[in-house]
Amino acid sequence: MESSRYIDEVNCYHSAGFSFDYQINWIVPAITGSENANGYIVQHFTRLSQPKNSIVDDIEYFEAWRIKNGVCLDRGKCDDEFSVGMNLGFCALQKALHTKGSFEISAAVYWIPEFSPLCKIVDKWSDTAVTQTAGLKGSYDFRELSEEYLVFHRPLFTHSWSLITEDEIKSKVQKAIFAYCPNNTPRDEELMNENLEYIFKGQSGELQKIKRRIANVWHQQWN
């Protein structure tokens, strides 16, 4: 089952640390087999971390998008988003210093047409039962679901990071700082210094040297 038939990628961002953001829209006619279908797209979502991550828990749940007359009624900025740590900014990078790991997200997508008895079950799901669904109907249990409703498995989504060695730390922090402060202006210089101080606060003497080297390289690019 070729997934590209069923989803359009909106955005895919991998940070230098543990944060990431992947957004897609459903291609509703391909999933439902109709231009004017009614029912629910249901996704079985599983996120695992290696090693087990202290930032977010491993989790598994079901979530549902209402489809009416071929239109997804639950679309916001996108239909679905895999995301961790995007609201943390440079805090996510600071927390990732001296760590390495990965997140793996697997997802199976089902189509539940309105004439199916399962549609009534999904209708009764709460939109607050699963915090991670961000307002979608969700449930931690859907034992009634069978493989006859399966449309496709999404490709395994993996985000990994390594900030163990001093070279890795310098390279990835420098890249993040330069992207955030790309201009030779007093404001960008101020932001560069503030964020370097924040990222390396309380770190060892060697990392303090790396902080100064990054600042020096930032200044040198304008000479």
C-alpha atoms as a PDB file:
ATOM      1  CA  MET A   1       0.000   0.000   0.000  1.00  0.00           C
ATOM      2  CA  GLU A   2       1.864   3.057  -1.265  1.00  0.00           C
ATOM      3  CA  SER A   3       1.373   5.817   1.301  1.00  0.00           C
ATOM      4  CA  SER A   4       2.040   8.689  -1.126  1.00  0.00           C
ATOM      5  CA  ARG A   5      -1.344   7.974  -2.695  1.00  0.00           C
ATOM      6  CA  TYR A   6      -3.020   8.889   0.569  1.00  0.00           C
ATOM      7  CA  ILE A   7      -1.082  11.780   2.148  1.00  0.00           C
ATOM      8  CA  ASP A   8       0.378  15.123   1.124  1.00  0.00           C
ATOM      9  CA  GLU A   9       3.409  16.301   3.102  1.00  0.00           C
ATOM     10  CA  VAL A  10       3.020  19.883   4.381  1.00  0.00           C
ATOM     11  CA  ASN A  11       6.165  20.302   6.480  1.00  0.00           C
ATOM     12  CA  CYS A  12       9.014  18.175   7.813  1.00  0.00           C
ATOM     13  CA  TYR A  13      11.407  19.720  10.364  1.00  0.00           C
ATOM     14  CA  HIS A  14      14.145  17.937  12.320  1.00  0.00           C
ATOM     15  CA  SER A  15      15.990  20.005  14.944  1.00  0.00           C
ATOM     16  CA  ALA A  16      19.553  19.439  16.135  1.00  0.00           C
ATOM     17  CA  GLY A  17      18.119  18.227  19.448  1.00  0.00           C
ATOM     18  CA  PHE A  18      15.116  16.098  20.318  1.00  0.00           C
ATOM     19  CA  SER A  19      12.397  18.350  18.853  1.00  0.00           C
ATOM     20  CA  PHE A  20      10.758  17.727  15.479  1.00  0.00           C
ATOM     21  CA  ASP A  21       7.613  18.605  13.536  1.00  0.00           C
ATOM     22  CA  TYR A  22       6.010  16.658  10.657  1.00  0.00           C
ATOM     23  CA  GLN A  23       2.726  17.798   9.113  1.00  0.00           C
ATOM     24  CA  ILE A  24       0.532  16.135   6.484  1.00  0.00           C
ATOM     25  CA  ASN A  25      -2.909  16.421   4.896  1.00  0.00           C
ATOM     26  CA  TRP A  26      -5.068  13.437   4.027  1.00  0.00           C
ATOM     27  CA  ILE A  27      -5.954  12.828   0.369  1.00  0.00           C
ATOM     28  CA  VAL A  28      -9.535  12.103   1.305  1.00  0.00           C
ATOM     29  CA  PRO A  29     -10.866  10.641  -1.985  1.00  0.00           C
ATOM     30  CA  ALA A  30      -7.991   8.155  -2.119  1.00  0.00           C
ATOM     31  CA  ILE A  31      -8.540   7.025   1.478  1.00  0.00           C
ATOM     32  CA  THR A  32     -12.327   6.826   1.270  1.00  0.00           C
ATOM     33  CA  GLY A  33     -12.628   5.684  -2.337  1.00  0.00           C
ATOM     34  CA  SER A  34     -15.182   8.406  -3.055  1.00  0.00           C
ATOM     35  CA  GLU A  35     -15.476  12.137  -3.746  1.00  0.00           C
ATOM     36  CA  ASN A  36     -18.412  12.551  -1.347  1.00  0.00           C
ATOM     37  CA  ALA A  37     -17.841   9.994   1.406  1.00  0.00           C
ATOM     38  CA  ASN A  38     -19.120  10.242   4.974  1.00  0.00           C
ATOM     39  CA  GLY A  39     -17.551   8.644   8.014  1.00  0.00           C
ATOM     40  CA  TYR A  40     -14.258   8.771   9.918  1.00  0.00           C
ATOM     41  CA  ILE A  41     -10.588   8.457   9.077  1.00  0.00           C
ATOM     42  CA  VAL A  42      -9.127   6.711  12.137  1.00  0.00           C
ATOM     43  CA  GLN A  43      -5.413   6.542  12.894  1.00  0.00           C
ATOM     44  CA  HIS A  44      -3.755   4.106  15.285  1.00  0.00           C
ATOM     45  CA  PHE A  45      -0.749   6.066  16.579  1.00  0.00           C
ATOM     46  CA  THR A  46       2.282   4.707  18.449  1.00  0.00           C
ATOM     47  CA  ARG A  47       5.346   6.701  19.587  1.00  0.00           C
ATOM     48  CA  LEU A  48       8.370   4.974  21.124  1.00  0.00           C
ATOM     49  CA  SER A  49      11.672   6.456  22.289  1.00  0.00           C
ATOM     50  CA  GLN A  50      15.123   4.903  22.511  1.00  0.00           C
ATOM     51  CA  PRO A  51      16.321   5.129  25.207  1.00  0.00           C
ATOM     52  CA  LYS A  52      13.089   5.813  27.058  1.00  0.00           C
ATOM     53  CA  ASN A  53      12.796   9.592  27.044  1.00  0.00           C
ATOM     54  CA  SER A  54      12.148  11.765  30.078  1.00  0.00           C
ATOM     55  CA  ILE A  55      10.741  14.625  27.947  1.00  0.00           C
ATOM     56  CA  VAL A  56       7.610  12.868  26.699  1.00  0.00           C
ATOM     57  CA  ASP A  57       6.190   9.453  27.509  1.00  0.00           C
ATOM     58  CA  ASP A  58       5.869   6.630  25.023  1.00  0.00           C
ATOM     59  CA  ILE A  59       2.240   6.511  23.972  1.00  0.00           C
ATOM     60  CA  GLU A  60      -0.354   4.646  21.888  1.00  0.00           C
ATOM     61  CA  TYR A  61      -3.879   5.787  21.023  1.00  0.00           C
ATOM     62  CA  PHE A  62      -6.555   6.125  18.333  1.00  0.00           C
ATOM     63  CA  GLU A  63      -7.744   9.420  16.833  1.00  0.00           C
ATOM     64  CA  ALA A  64     -10.487  10.250  14.341  1.00  0.00           C
ATOM     65  CA  TRP A  65     -11.174  12.869  11.655  1.00  0.00           C
ATOM     66  CA  ARG A  66     -14.805  13.473  10.645  1.00  0.00           C
ATOM     67  CA  ILE A  67     -15.385  13.298   6.897  1.00  0.00           C
ATOM     68  CA  LYS A  68     -18.626  14.764   5.546  1.00  0.00           C
ATOM     69  CA  ASN A  69     -19.483  14.850   1.852  1.00  0.00           C
ATOM     70  CA  GLY A  70     -15.838  14.176   1.027  1.00  0.00           C
ATOM     71  CA  VAL A  71     -14.497  17.048   3.162  1.00  0.00           C
ATOM     72  CA  CYS A  72     -12.363  16.727   6.295  1.00  0.00           C
ATOM     73  CA  LEU A  73     -14.162  18.810   8.937  1.00  0.00           C
ATOM     74  CA  ASP A  74     -11.273  18.614  11.400  1.00  0.00           C
ATOM     75  CA  ARG A  75      -8.560  20.307   9.345  1.00  0.00           C
ATOM     76  CA  GLY A  76      -6.624  23.082  11.078  1.00  0.00           C
ATOM     77  CA  LYS A  77      -3.247  24.242   9.773  1.00  0.00           C
ATOM     78  CA  CYS A  78      -2.931  20.627   8.617  1.00  0.00           C
ATOM     79  CA  ASP A  79      -4.779  17.352   9.111  1.00  0.00           C
ATOM     80  CA  ASP A  80      -2.157  15.566  11.192  1.00  0.00           C
ATOM     81  CA  GLU A  81       1.042  16.535  12.979  1.00  0.00           C
ATOM     82  CA  PHE A  82       3.799  14.482  14.589  1.00  0.00           C
ATOM     83  CA  SER A  83       5.568  16.883  16.950  1.00  0.00           C
ATOM     84  CA  VAL A  84       7.716  16.924  20.086  1.00  0.00           C
ATOM     85  CA  GLY A  85       9.273  19.901  21.845  1.00  0.00           C
ATOM     86  CA  MET A  86       8.446  22.577  19.270  1.00  0.00           C
ATOM     87  CA  ASN A  87       7.168  24.980  21.941  1.00  0.00           C
ATOM     88  CA  LEU A  88      10.424  24.736  23.916  1.00  0.00           C
ATOM     89  CA  GLY A  89      12.673  26.688  21.543  1.00  0.00           C
ATOM     90  CA  PHE A  90      16.343  26.644  22.591  1.00  0.00           C
ATOM     91  CA  CYS A  91      15.321  24.921  25.824  1.00  0.00           C
ATOM     92  CA  ALA A  92      14.949  21.726  23.771  1.00  0.00           C
ATOM     93  CA  LEU A  93      18.542  22.085  22.580  1.00  0.00           C
ATOM     94  CA  GLN A  94      19.813  22.855  26.069  1.00  0.00           C
ATOM     95  CA  LYS A  95      18.085  19.760  27.497  1.00  0.00           C
ATOM     96  CA  ALA A  96      19.580  17.617  24.728  1.00  0.00           C
ATOM     97  CA  LEU A  97      23.233  18.446  25.568  1.00  0.00           C
ATOM     98  CA  HIS A  98      25.190  15.281  26.473  1.00  0.00           C
ATOM     99  CA  THR A  99      22.355  13.037  25.242  1.00  0.00           C
ATOM    100  CA  LYS A 100      21.532  10.935  22.212  1.00  0.00           C
ATOM    101  CA  GLY A 101      18.390   9.086  21.254  1.00  0.00           C
ATOM    102  CA  SER A 102      15.555   8.646  18.830  1.00  0.00           C
ATOM    103  CA  PHE A 103      11.797   8.743  18.490  1.00  0.00           C
ATOM    104  CA  GLU A 104       9.951   6.275  16.272  1.00  0.00           C
ATOM    105  CA  ILE A 105       6.358   6.884  15.222  1.00  0.00           C
ATOM    106  CA  SER A 106       4.265   4.234  13.500  1.00  0.00           C
ATOM    107  CA  ALA A 107       0.702   4.762  12.338  1.00  0.00           C
ATOM    108  CA  ALA A 108      -1.966   2.686  10.640  1.00  0.00           C
ATOM    109  CA  VAL A 109      -4.837   4.501   8.901  1.00  0.00           C
ATOM    110  CA  TYR A 110      -8.370   3.111   8.661  1.00  0.00           C
ATOM    111  CA  TRP A 111     -11.530   4.233   6.903  1.00  0.00           C
ATOM    112  CA  ILE A 112     -14.788   3.806   8.879  1.00  0.00           C
ATOM    113  CA  PRO A 113     -17.760   4.588   6.590  1.00  0.00           C
ATOM    114  CA  GLU A 114     -20.950   5.949   8.117  1.00  0.00           C
ATOM    115  CA  PHE A 115     -22.916   2.740   7.463  1.00  0.00           C
ATOM    116  CA  SER A 116     -20.479   0.725   9.592  1.00  0.00           C
ATOM    117  CA  PRO A 117     -21.526  -0.049  13.193  1.00  0.00           C
ATOM    118  CA  LEU A 118     -18.056   1.142  14.212  1.00  0.00           C
ATOM    119  CA  CYS A 119     -19.007   4.670  13.158  1.00  0.00           C
ATOM    120  CA  LYS A 120     -21.393   4.919  16.121  1.00  0.00           C
ATOM    121  CA  ILE A 121     -18.588   3.874  18.458  1.00  0.00           C
ATOM    122  CA  VAL A 122     -16.271   6.600  17.141  1.00  0.00           C
ATOM    123  CA  ASP A 123     -19.142   9.125  17.347  1.00  0.00           C
ATOM    124  CA  LYS A 124     -19.171   8.586  21.114  1.00  0.00           C
ATOM    125  CA  TRP A 125     -15.462   9.259  21.604  1.00  0.00           C
ATOM    126  CA  SER A 126     -14.636  12.431  23.506  1.00  0.00           C
ATOM    127  CA  ASP A 127     -12.521  15.196  21.995  1.00  0.00           C
ATOM    128  CA  THR A 128     -10.761  15.616  25.355  1.00  0.00           C
ATOM    129  CA  ALA A 129     -10.105  11.962  26.252  1.00  0.00           C
ATOM    130  CA  VAL A 130      -6.619  11.928  24.704  1.00  0.00           C
ATOM    131  CA  THR A 131      -4.668  15.155  25.233  1.00  0.00           C
ATOM    132  CA  GLN A 132      -2.329  14.458  22.327  1.00  0.00           C
ATOM    133  CA  THR A 133      -5.148  14.496  19.765  1.00  0.00           C
ATOM    134  CA  ALA A 134      -5.459  18.292  20.211  1.00  0.00           C
ATOM    135  CA  GLY A 135      -9.249  18.400  19.998  1.00  0.00           C
ATOM    136  CA  LEU A 136      -9.859  15.394  17.754  1.00  0.00           C
ATOM    137  CA  LYS A 137     -12.057  12.552  18.953  1.00  0.00           C
ATOM    138  CA  GLY A 138      -9.736  10.030  20.546  1.00  0.00           C
ATOM    139  CA  SER A 139      -9.573   6.824  22.546  1.00  0.00           C
ATOM    140  CA  TYR A 140      -6.923   4.611  24.101  1.00  0.00           C
ATOM    141  CA  ASP A 141      -8.950   1.528  23.182  1.00  0.00           C
ATOM    142  CA  PHE A 142     -10.674   0.423  19.973  1.00  0.00           C
ATOM    143  CA  ARG A 143     -10.905  -3.335  20.402  1.00  0.00           C
ATOM    144  CA  GLU A 144     -13.785  -3.533  17.924  1.00  0.00           C
ATOM    145  CA  LEU A 145     -11.580  -2.353  15.040  1.00  0.00           C
ATOM    146  CA  SER A 146     -10.649  -5.006  12.472  1.00  0.00           C
ATOM    147  CA  GLU A 147      -8.130  -5.134   9.652  1.00  0.00           C
ATOM    148  CA  GLU A 148     -10.903  -5.079   7.038  1.00  0.00           C
ATOM    149  CA  TYR A 149     -11.033  -1.294   7.588  1.00  0.00           C
ATOM    150  CA  LEU A 150      -7.273  -0.812   7.130  1.00  0.00           C
ATOM    151  CA  VAL A 151      -6.325   1.446   4.212  1.00  0.00           C
ATOM    152  CA  PHE A 152      -2.545   1.806   4.634  1.00  0.00           C
ATOM    153  CA  HIS A 153       0.391   1.905   7.026  1.00  0.00           C
ATOM    154  CA  ARG A 154       2.281   5.181   7.095  1.00  0.00           C
ATOM    155  CA  PRO A 155       6.073   4.929   6.669  1.00  0.00           C
ATOM    156  CA  LEU A 156       7.904   4.684   9.974  1.00  0.00           C
ATOM    157  CA  PHE A 157       8.804   8.236  11.033  1.00  0.00           C
ATOM    158  CA  THR A 158      12.118   8.510  12.885  1.00  0.00           C
ATOM    159  CA  HIS A 159      13.809  11.479  14.513  1.00  0.00           C
ATOM    160  CA  SER A 160      17.252  10.934  16.035  1.00  0.00           C
ATOM    161  CA  TRP A 161      19.854  13.182  17.598  1.00  0.00           C
ATOM    162  CA  SER A 162      23.315  12.971  19.135  1.00  0.00           C
ATOM    163  CA  LEU A 163      24.895  15.726  21.204  1.00  0.00           C
ATOM    164  CA  ILE A 164      27.502  13.682  23.031  1.00  0.00           C
ATOM    165  CA  THR A 165      30.866  14.812  21.679  1.00  0.00           C
ATOM    166  CA  GLU A 166      32.181  18.363  21.760  1.00  0.00           C
ATOM    167  CA  ASP A 167      32.347  18.386  17.943  1.00  0.00           C
ATOM    168  CA  GLU A 168      28.667  17.397  17.711  1.00  0.00           C
ATOM    169  CA  ILE A 169      27.681  20.046  20.232  1.00  0.00           C
ATOM    170  CA  LYS A 170      29.603  22.806  18.471  1.00  0.00           C
ATOM    171  CA  SER A 171      28.354  21.865  15.011  1.00  0.00           C
ATOM    172  CA  LYS A 172      24.689  21.565  15.919  1.00  0.00           C
ATOM    173  CA  VAL A 173      24.459  24.501  18.308  1.00  0.00           C
ATOM    174  CA  GLN A 174      26.279  26.714  15.801  1.00  0.00           C
ATOM    175  CA  LYS A 175      23.910  25.679  13.011  1.00  0.00           C
ATOM    176  CA  ALA A 176      20.860  26.435  15.172  1.00  0.00           C
ATOM    177  CA  ILE A 177      22.211  29.815  16.327  1.00  0.00           C
ATOM    178  CA  PHE A 178      23.206  30.899  12.821  1.00  0.00           C
ATOM    179  CA  ALA A 179      19.754  29.986  11.484  1.00  0.00           C
ATOM    180  CA  TYR A 180      18.060  31.959  14.272  1.00  0.00           C
ATOM    181  CA  CYS A 181      20.374  34.994  13.978  1.00  0.00           C
ATOM    182  CA  PRO A 182      21.174  35.288  10.245  1.00  0.00           C
ATOM    183  CA  ASN A 183      21.741  39.038   9.974  1.00  0.00           C
ATOM    184  CA  ASN A 184      24.530  41.448  10.904  1.00  0.00           C
ATOM    185  CA  THR A 185      22.350  43.608  13.112  1.00  0.00           C
ATOM    186  CA  PRO A 186      22.569  44.685  16.753  1.00  0.00           C
ATOM    187  CA  ARG A 187      19.357  42.787  17.478  1.00  0.00           C
ATOM    188  CA  ASP A 188      20.647  39.520  16.016  1.00  0.00           C
ATOM    189  CA  GLU A 189      23.936  39.950  17.868  1.00  0.00           C
ATOM    190  CA  GLU A 190      22.001  40.448  21.101  1.00  0.00           C
ATOM    191  CA  LEU A 191      19.878  37.344  20.446  1.00  0.00           C
ATOM    192  CA  MET A 192      22.957  35.320  19.551  1.00  0.00           C
ATOM    193  CA  ASN A 193      24.692  36.213  22.827  1.00  0.00           C
ATOM    194  CA  GLU A 194      21.564  35.703  24.944  1.00  0.00           C
ATOM    195  CA  ASN A 195      20.819  32.277  23.511  1.00  0.00           C
ATOM    196  CA  LEU A 196      24.405  31.053  23.698  1.00  0.00           C
ATOM    197  CA  GLU A 197      24.487  32.086  27.372  1.00  0.00           C
ATOM    198  CA  TYR A 198      21.217  30.250  27.937  1.00  0.00           C
ATOM    199  CA  ILE A 199      22.207  27.038  26.111  1.00  0.00           C
ATOM    200  CA  PHE A 200      25.598  26.733  27.856  1.00  0.00           C
ATOM    201  CA  LYS A 201      24.590  27.997  31.307  1.00  0.00           C
ATOM    202  CA  GLY A 202      26.212  25.852  34.006  1.00  0.00           C
ATOM    203  CA  GLN A 203      28.234  23.809  31.509  1.00  0.00           C
ATOM    204  CA  SER A 204      31.885  22.831  31.873  1.00  0.00           C
ATOM    205  CA  GLY A 205      34.901  24.929  30.926  1.00  0.00           C
ATOM    206  CA  GLU A 206      35.319  23.074  27.611  1.00  0.00           C
ATOM    207  CA  LEU A 207      31.768  23.876  26.582  1.00  0.00           C
ATOM    208  CA  GLN A 208      32.259  27.490  27.650  1.00  0.00           C
ATOM    209  CA  LYS A 209      35.159  27.576  25.177  1.00  0.00           C
ATOM    210  CA  ILE A 210      32.837  26.191  22.495  1.00  0.00           C
ATOM    211  CA  LYS A 211      30.342  28.934  23.298  1.00  0.00           C
ATOM    212  CA  ARG A 212      33.019  31.585  22.731  1.00  0.00           C
ATOM    213  CA  ARG A 213      34.186  29.913  19.510  1.00  0.00           C
ATOM    214  CA  ILE A 214      30.648  29.953  18.107  1.00  0.00           C
ATOM    215  CA  ALA A 215      30.295  33.652  18.955  1.00  0.00           C
ATOM    216  CA  ASN A 216      33.644  34.390  17.311  1.00  0.00           C
ATOM    217  CA  VAL A 217      32.684  32.542  14.122  1.00  0.00           C
ATOM    218  CA  TRP A 218      29.376  34.415  14.019  1.00  0.00           C
ATOM    219  CA  HIS A 219      31.262  37.743  14.124  1.00  0.00           C
ATOM    220  CA  GLN A 220      33.911  36.616  11.626  1.00  0.00           C
ATOM    221  CA  GLN A 221      31.366  35.953   8.875  1.00  0.00           C
ATOM    222  CA  TRP A 222      30.799  39.716   8.580  1.00  0.00           C
ATOM    223  CA  ASN A 223      34.519  40.596   8.245  1.00  0.00           C
END
